[in-house]
C-alpha atoms as a PDB file:
ATOM      1  CA  MET A   1      47.670 -21.407  47.730  1.00  0.00           C
ATOM      2  CA  ARG A   2      50.286 -23.079  49.068  1.00  0.00           C
ATOM      3  CA  ILE A   3      49.560 -26.326  51.133  1.00  0.00           C
ATOM      4  CA  PRO A   4      52.604 -28.024  52.828  1.00  0.00           C
ATOM      5  CA  PRO A   5      53.358 -31.472  52.230  1.00  0.00           C
ATOM      6  CA  ARG A   6      52.123 -33.883  55.026  1.00  0.00           C
ATOM      7  CA  GLY A   7      53.447 -37.285  56.160  1.00  0.00           C
ATOM      8  CA  PRO A   8      52.692 -40.044  58.120  1.00  0.00           C
ATOM      9  CA  GLY A   9      51.249 -39.506  61.817  1.00  0.00           C
ATOM     10  CA  GLN A  10      50.845 -35.880  60.804  1.00  0.00           C
ATOM     11  CA  VAL A  11      47.341 -33.704  60.088  1.00  0.00           C
ATOM     12  CA  ARG A  12      47.335 -29.887  57.912  1.00  0.00           C
ATOM     13  CA  ILE A  13      45.298 -27.635  59.697  1.00  0.00           C
ATOM     14  CA  GLY A  14      44.350 -24.075  59.480  1.00  0.00           C
ATOM     15  CA  ILE A  15      42.466 -21.881  61.865  1.00  0.00           C
ATOM     16  CA  ALA A  16      40.122 -19.434  60.609  1.00  0.00           C
ATOM     17  CA  ILE A  17      36.933 -17.372  61.218  1.00  0.00           C
ATOM     18  CA  ALA A  18      33.934 -19.240  59.474  1.00  0.00           C
ATOM     19  CA  VAL A  19      31.621 -16.756  57.632  1.00  0.00           C
ATOM     20  CA  PRO A  20      28.557 -17.461  58.866  1.00  0.00           C
ATOM     21  CA  GLU A  21      24.949 -17.887  56.919  1.00  0.00           C
ATOM     22  CA  PRO A  22      23.204 -16.561  54.615  1.00  0.00           C
ATOM     23  CA  TYR A  23      26.768 -14.586  54.024  1.00  0.00           C
ATOM     24  CA  ALA A  24      28.560 -18.208  53.530  1.00  0.00           C
ATOM     25  CA  SER A  25      26.187 -19.351  51.243  1.00  0.00           C
ATOM     26  CA  GLN A  26      26.040 -16.332  48.722  1.00  0.00           C
ATOM     27  CA  LEU A  27      30.025 -15.979  48.914  1.00  0.00           C
ATOM     28  CA  GLN A  28      30.523 -19.528  48.072  1.00  0.00           C
ATOM     29  CA  ASP A  29      28.459 -19.279  45.163  1.00  0.00           C
ATOM     30  CA  ALA A  30      29.962 -16.237  43.839  1.00  0.00           C
ATOM     31  CA  ARG A  31      32.988 -17.903  43.966  1.00  0.00           C
ATOM     32  CA  SER A  32      31.591 -20.974  42.188  1.00  0.00           C
ATOM     33  CA  ARG A  33      30.003 -18.580  39.616  1.00  0.00           C
ATOM     34  CA  PHE A  34      33.844 -16.983  38.971  1.00  0.00           C
ATOM     35  CA  GLU A  35      34.875 -20.662  38.019  1.00  0.00           C
ATOM     36  CA  ASP A  36      37.390 -20.753  41.105  1.00  0.00           C
ATOM     37  CA  PRO A  37      37.897 -25.074  40.788  1.00  0.00           C
ATOM     38  CA  LEU A  38      38.410 -25.001  45.374  1.00  0.00           C
ATOM     39  CA  ALA A  39      34.748 -23.195  45.121  1.00  0.00           C
ATOM     40  CA  GLN A  40      33.548 -26.254  47.118  1.00  0.00           C
ATOM     41  CA  ALA A  41      36.671 -27.596  48.880  1.00  0.00           C
ATOM     42  CA  ILE A  42      37.272 -24.285  50.613  1.00  0.00           C
ATOM     43  CA  PRO A  43      34.082 -22.835  53.056  1.00  0.00           C
ATOM     44  CA  PRO A  44      34.022 -19.000  52.898  1.00  0.00           C
ATOM     45  CA  HIS A  45      36.691 -18.022  55.907  1.00  0.00           C
ATOM     46  CA  ILE A  46      39.037 -15.125  57.323  1.00  0.00           C
ATOM     47  CA  THR A  47      42.357 -17.225  57.819  1.00  0.00           C
ATOM     48  CA  VAL A  48      43.937 -16.842  61.018  1.00  0.00           C
ATOM     49  CA  VAL A  49      46.501 -19.401  60.651  1.00  0.00           C
ATOM     50  CA  GLY A  50      46.605 -20.515  57.098  1.00  0.00           C
ATOM     51  CA  PRO A  51      48.048 -24.521  56.232  1.00  0.00           C
ATOM     52  CA  THR A  52      50.136 -25.371  58.648  1.00  0.00           C
ATOM     53  CA  VAL A  53      51.481 -29.260  59.690  1.00  0.00           C
ATOM     54  CA  VAL A  54      51.342 -30.435  63.100  1.00  0.00           C
ATOM     55  CA  ASP A  55      52.236 -34.283  64.362  1.00  0.00           C
ATOM     56  CA  ARG A  56      48.962 -35.864  65.297  1.00  0.00           C
ATOM     57  CA  ALA A  57      50.396 -36.436  69.020  1.00  0.00           C
ATOM     58  CA  ASP A  58      50.391 -32.859  68.987  1.00  0.00           C
ATOM     59  CA  MET A  59      47.151 -31.618  68.798  1.00  0.00           C
ATOM     60  CA  PRO A  60      45.833 -31.932  72.259  1.00  0.00           C
ATOM     61  CA  THR A  61      48.368 -28.937  72.921  1.00  0.00           C
ATOM     62  CA  VAL A  62      47.326 -27.080  69.502  1.00  0.00           C
ATOM     63  CA  GLY A  63      43.939 -27.294  71.396  1.00  0.00           C
ATOM     64  CA  GLU A  64      44.899 -26.267  74.571  1.00  0.00           C
ATOM     65  CA  HIS A  65      46.720 -23.227  72.707  1.00  0.00           C
ATOM     66  CA  LEU A  66      43.659 -22.336  70.456  1.00  0.00           C
ATOM     67  CA  ARG A  67      41.208 -22.431  74.259  1.00  0.00           C
ATOM     68  CA  LYS A  68      43.476 -20.244  76.022  1.00  0.00           C
ATOM     69  CA  VAL A  69      43.599 -17.849  72.658  1.00  0.00           C
ATOM     70  CA  ALA A  70      39.768 -17.681  72.736  1.00  0.00           C
ATOM     71  CA  ASP A  71      39.626 -17.276  76.065  1.00  0.00           C
ATOM     72  CA  GLU A  72      41.514 -13.964  76.116  1.00  0.00           C
ATOM     73  CA  MET A  73      39.833 -12.564  72.683  1.00  0.00           C
ATOM     74  CA  PRO A  74      36.412 -11.008  73.090  1.00  0.00           C
ATOM     75  CA  PRO A  75      34.018 -11.523  70.557  1.00  0.00           C
ATOM     76  CA  PHE A  76      33.857  -8.553  67.526  1.00  0.00           C
ATOM     77  CA  ARG A  77      31.992  -7.415  64.408  1.00  0.00           C
ATOM     78  CA  VAL A  78      33.559  -7.780  60.935  1.00  0.00           C
ATOM     79  CA  HIS A  79      31.763  -5.723  58.175  1.00  0.00           C
ATOM     80  CA  LEU A  80      32.751  -7.181  54.596  1.00  0.00           C
ATOM     81  CA  ARG A  81      32.610  -4.457  52.118  1.00  0.00           C
ATOM     82  CA  GLY A  82      34.137  -3.846  48.677  1.00  0.00           C
ATOM     83  CA  THR A  83      36.787  -5.856  46.760  1.00  0.00           C
ATOM     84  CA  GLY A  84      40.660  -5.915  46.627  1.00  0.00           C
ATOM     85  CA  THR A  85      43.288  -8.076  45.336  1.00  0.00           C
ATOM     86  CA  PHE A  86      46.531  -9.406  45.778  1.00  0.00           C
ATOM     87  CA  ARG A  87      47.723  -8.822  41.949  1.00  0.00           C
ATOM     88  CA  PRO A  88      50.169  -8.975  40.527  1.00  0.00           C
ATOM     89  CA  VAL A  89      51.710 -10.998  42.980  1.00  0.00           C
ATOM     90  CA  SER A  90      49.125 -13.560  43.231  1.00  0.00           C
ATOM     91  CA  PRO A  91      46.130 -13.784  41.488  1.00  0.00           C
ATOM     92  CA  VAL A  92      43.335 -13.313  44.144  1.00  0.00           C
ATOM     93  CA  VAL A  93      40.528 -11.268  44.331  1.00  0.00           C
ATOM     94  CA  PHE A  94      38.625 -10.955  47.824  1.00  0.00           C
ATOM     95  CA  MET A  95      36.264  -9.074  49.867  1.00  0.00           C
ATOM     96  CA  THR A  96      37.423  -6.746  52.302  1.00  0.00           C
ATOM     97  CA  LEU A  97      36.984  -6.129  55.835  1.00  0.00           C
ATOM     98  CA  ALA A  98      36.072  -2.290  56.007  1.00  0.00           C
ATOM     99  CA  GLU A  99      35.630  -3.137  60.405  1.00  0.00           C
ATOM    100  CA  GLY A 100      37.469  -5.875  62.440  1.00  0.00           C
ATOM    101  CA  ILE A 101      40.895  -5.803  60.670  1.00  0.00           C
ATOM    102  CA  ALA A 102      42.291  -4.996  64.084  1.00  0.00           C
ATOM    103  CA  GLU A 103      40.482  -7.468  65.931  1.00  0.00           C
ATOM    104  CA  CYS A 104      41.874 -10.338  63.158  1.00  0.00           C
ATOM    105  CA  GLU A 105      45.368  -9.222  63.164  1.00  0.00           C
ATOM    106  CA  LEU A 106      45.375  -9.417  67.176  1.00  0.00           C
ATOM    107  CA  LEU A 107      44.321 -13.062  66.938  1.00  0.00           C
ATOM    108  CA  GLU A 108      46.439 -13.861  64.194  1.00  0.00           C
ATOM    109  CA  GLN A 109      49.419 -12.294  66.455  1.00  0.00           C
ATOM    110  CA  GLN A 110      48.345 -14.698  69.103  1.00  0.00           C
ATOM    111  CA  THR A 111      46.981 -18.031  67.466  1.00  0.00           C
ATOM    112  CA  ARG A 112      50.373 -17.716  65.494  1.00  0.00           C
ATOM    113  CA  SER A 113      52.559 -18.296  68.624  1.00  0.00           C
ATOM    114  CA  GLY A 114      53.479 -20.877  70.758  1.00  0.00           C
ATOM    115  CA  VAL A 115      52.778 -24.560  68.834  1.00  0.00           C
ATOM    116  CA  LEU A 116      51.878 -22.562  66.047  1.00  0.00           C
ATOM    117  CA  ALA A 117      54.487 -20.530  65.798  1.00  0.00           C
ATOM    118  CA  GLN A 118      55.757 -19.658  62.130  1.00  0.00           C
ATOM    119  CA  GLU A 119      57.202 -17.416  59.445  1.00  0.00           C
ATOM    120  CA  LEU A 120      55.055 -15.793  57.233  1.00  0.00           C
ATOM    121  CA  ARG A 121      55.651 -15.536  53.320  1.00  0.00           C
ATOM    122  CA  PHE A 122      53.353 -12.147  53.486  1.00  0.00           C
ATOM    123  CA  ASN A 123      52.181 -10.223  55.539  1.00  0.00           C
ATOM    124  CA  TYR A 124      48.708 -11.171  57.386  1.00  0.00           C
ATOM    125  CA  HIS A 125      46.021  -9.399  55.799  1.00  0.00           C
ATOM    126  CA  PRO A 126      42.639 -10.189  56.817  1.00  0.00           C
ATOM    127  CA  HIS A 127      40.528 -11.262  53.795  1.00  0.00           C
ATOM    128  CA  VAL A 128      37.822 -13.423  52.240  1.00  0.00           C
ATOM    129  CA  THR A 129      38.905 -14.787  49.037  1.00  0.00           C
ATOM    130  CA  ILE A 130      36.468 -14.946  46.060  1.00  0.00           C
ATOM    131  CA  ALA A 131      38.301 -15.837  43.149  1.00  0.00           C
ATOM    132  CA  HIS A 132      41.976 -17.425  42.563  1.00  0.00           C
ATOM    133  CA  GLU A 133      43.894 -18.618  40.366  1.00  0.00           C
ATOM    134  CA  VAL A 134      41.438 -18.552  37.767  1.00  0.00           C
ATOM    135  CA  PRO A 135      41.738 -16.465  34.228  1.00  0.00           C
ATOM    136  CA  GLU A 136      42.285 -12.772  34.665  1.00  0.00           C
ATOM    137  CA  PRO A 137      39.124 -11.792  32.841  1.00  0.00           C
ATOM    138  CA  ALA A 138      37.304 -13.917  35.541  1.00  0.00           C
ATOM    139  CA  LEU A 139      39.259 -12.121  37.836  1.00  0.00           C
ATOM    140  CA  ASP A 140      38.237  -8.914  36.571  1.00  0.00           C
ATOM    141  CA  ARG A 141      34.612  -9.750  37.263  1.00  0.00           C
ATOM    142  CA  ALA A 142      34.583 -10.786  40.213  1.00  0.00           C
ATOM    143  CA  PHE A 143      36.523  -7.553  41.532  1.00  0.00           C
ATOM    144  CA  ASP A 144      33.604  -5.673  39.563  1.00  0.00           C
ATOM    145  CA  GLU A 145      30.486  -7.893  40.564  1.00  0.00           C
ATOM    146  CA  MET A 146      31.096  -7.846  44.184  1.00  0.00           C
ATOM    147  CA  ALA A 147      32.605  -4.189  44.855  1.00  0.00           C
ATOM    148  CA  GLY A 148      29.186  -3.481  46.297  1.00  0.00           C
ATOM    149  CA  TYR A 149      28.923  -6.543  47.978  1.00  0.00           C
ATOM    150  CA  GLU A 150      28.408  -6.031  51.967  1.00  0.00           C
ATOM    151  CA  ALA A 151      28.257  -8.332  54.942  1.00  0.00           C
ATOM    152  CA  VAL A 152      28.578  -7.317  58.790  1.00  0.00           C
ATOM    153  CA  PHE A 153      28.402 -10.310  61.272  1.00  0.00           C
ATOM    154  CA  GLU A 154      29.236 -10.873  64.736  1.00  0.00           C
ATOM    155  CA  VAL A 155      32.602 -12.994  65.161  1.00  0.00           C
ATOM    156  CA  THR A 156      32.154 -15.002  68.609  1.00  0.00           C
ATOM    157  CA  GLU A 157      34.467 -18.240  67.588  1.00  0.00           C
ATOM    158  CA  ILE A 158      37.334 -19.336  65.388  1.00  0.00           C
ATOM    159  CA  TRP A 159      37.671 -22.833  63.654  1.00  0.00           C
ATOM    160  CA  GLN A 160      39.992 -25.396  63.827  1.00  0.00           C
ATOM    161  CA  TYR A 161      39.947 -26.601  59.879  1.00  0.00           C
ATOM    162  CA  GLU A 162      41.150 -29.845  58.447  1.00  0.00           C
ATOM    163  CA  HIS A 163      42.776 -30.470  55.010  1.00  0.00           C
ATOM    164  CA  GLY A 164      41.518 -33.811  53.604  1.00  0.00           C
ATOM    165  CA  ASP A 165      43.418 -36.257  50.976  1.00  0.00           C
ATOM    166  CA  ASP A 166      40.241 -35.501  48.790  1.00  0.00           C
ATOM    167  CA  GLY A 167      41.488 -31.490  48.839  1.00  0.00           C
ATOM    168  CA  VAL A 168      38.930 -30.117  50.866  1.00  0.00           C
ATOM    169  CA  TRP A 169      39.056 -28.099  54.218  1.00  0.00           C
ATOM    170  CA  ARG A 170      36.664 -29.415  56.843  1.00  0.00           C
ATOM    171  CA  PRO A 171      35.902 -27.701  60.042  1.00  0.00           C
ATOM    172  CA  GLN A 172      36.915 -29.875  62.904  1.00  0.00           C
ATOM    173  CA  ARG A 173      36.504 -27.512  66.226  1.00  0.00           C
ATOM    174  CA  PRO A 174      34.945 -24.217  67.203  1.00  0.00           C
ATOM    175  CA  PHE A 175      36.808 -22.110  69.923  1.00  0.00           C
ATOM    176  CA  THR A 176      34.134 -19.871  71.416  1.00  0.00           C
ATOM    177  CA  LEU A 177      36.078 -16.148  71.836  1.00  0.00           C
ATOM    178  CA  ARG A 178      35.343 -15.405  75.650  1.00  0.00           C
ATOM    179  CA  GLY A 179      37.293 -12.524  76.486  1.00  0.00           C
ATOM    180  CA  ARG A 180      35.737  -9.235  77.820  1.00  0.00           C
ATOM    181  CA  LYS A 181      35.966  -6.148  75.827  1.00  0.00           C
ATOM    182  CA  GLN A 182      37.804  -3.579  77.732  1.00  0.00           C
ATOM    183  CA  MET A 183      36.015  -0.135  78.477  1.00  0.00           C
ATOM    184  CA  LEU A 184      37.618   2.879  77.893  1.00  0.00           C
ATOM    185  CA  ARG A 185      37.419   5.010  80.794  1.00  0.00           C
ATOM    186  CA  PRO A 186      37.430   9.131  80.660  1.00  0.00           C
ATOM    187  CA  SER A 187      40.686  10.243  82.269  1.00  0.00           C
END
């Protein structure tokens, strides 16, 4: 994982959808089983905006931005089903989204604007990592063993996480999705 350097007076944050229980424990246990050294440092999540350095003085503006995004986005359903990988580009195995992709993409576009605007190294691809930078046999095992795993949950909030000096990502503040679902009307 690429972690940007942080200077004095700055915080390193990320914005994500937290995977709820009981799935969070199941996926964290799986990540540990595949010997991922970050299994206990990164709670299971779907990244919305990856590691970003922000001046501490700008955090109220970040909070206001996230509140506005959350106020406009309606809750939605995510269905995790099966595994995928970014190999050979990146040594990652992940749970794929069978439902909720478009909503995650919209949420990412709206969140990665304003005070959180930034260029991406790769195209956005919502997923839940289950093995990262582990030996090839562990990646293969993760891909095979988790292929039949499924989880369905409602996304009702996004979280601002902070990356500590100990390398652990900790949830700091939730932002409740309050937008209304648009009803399609027959023509």
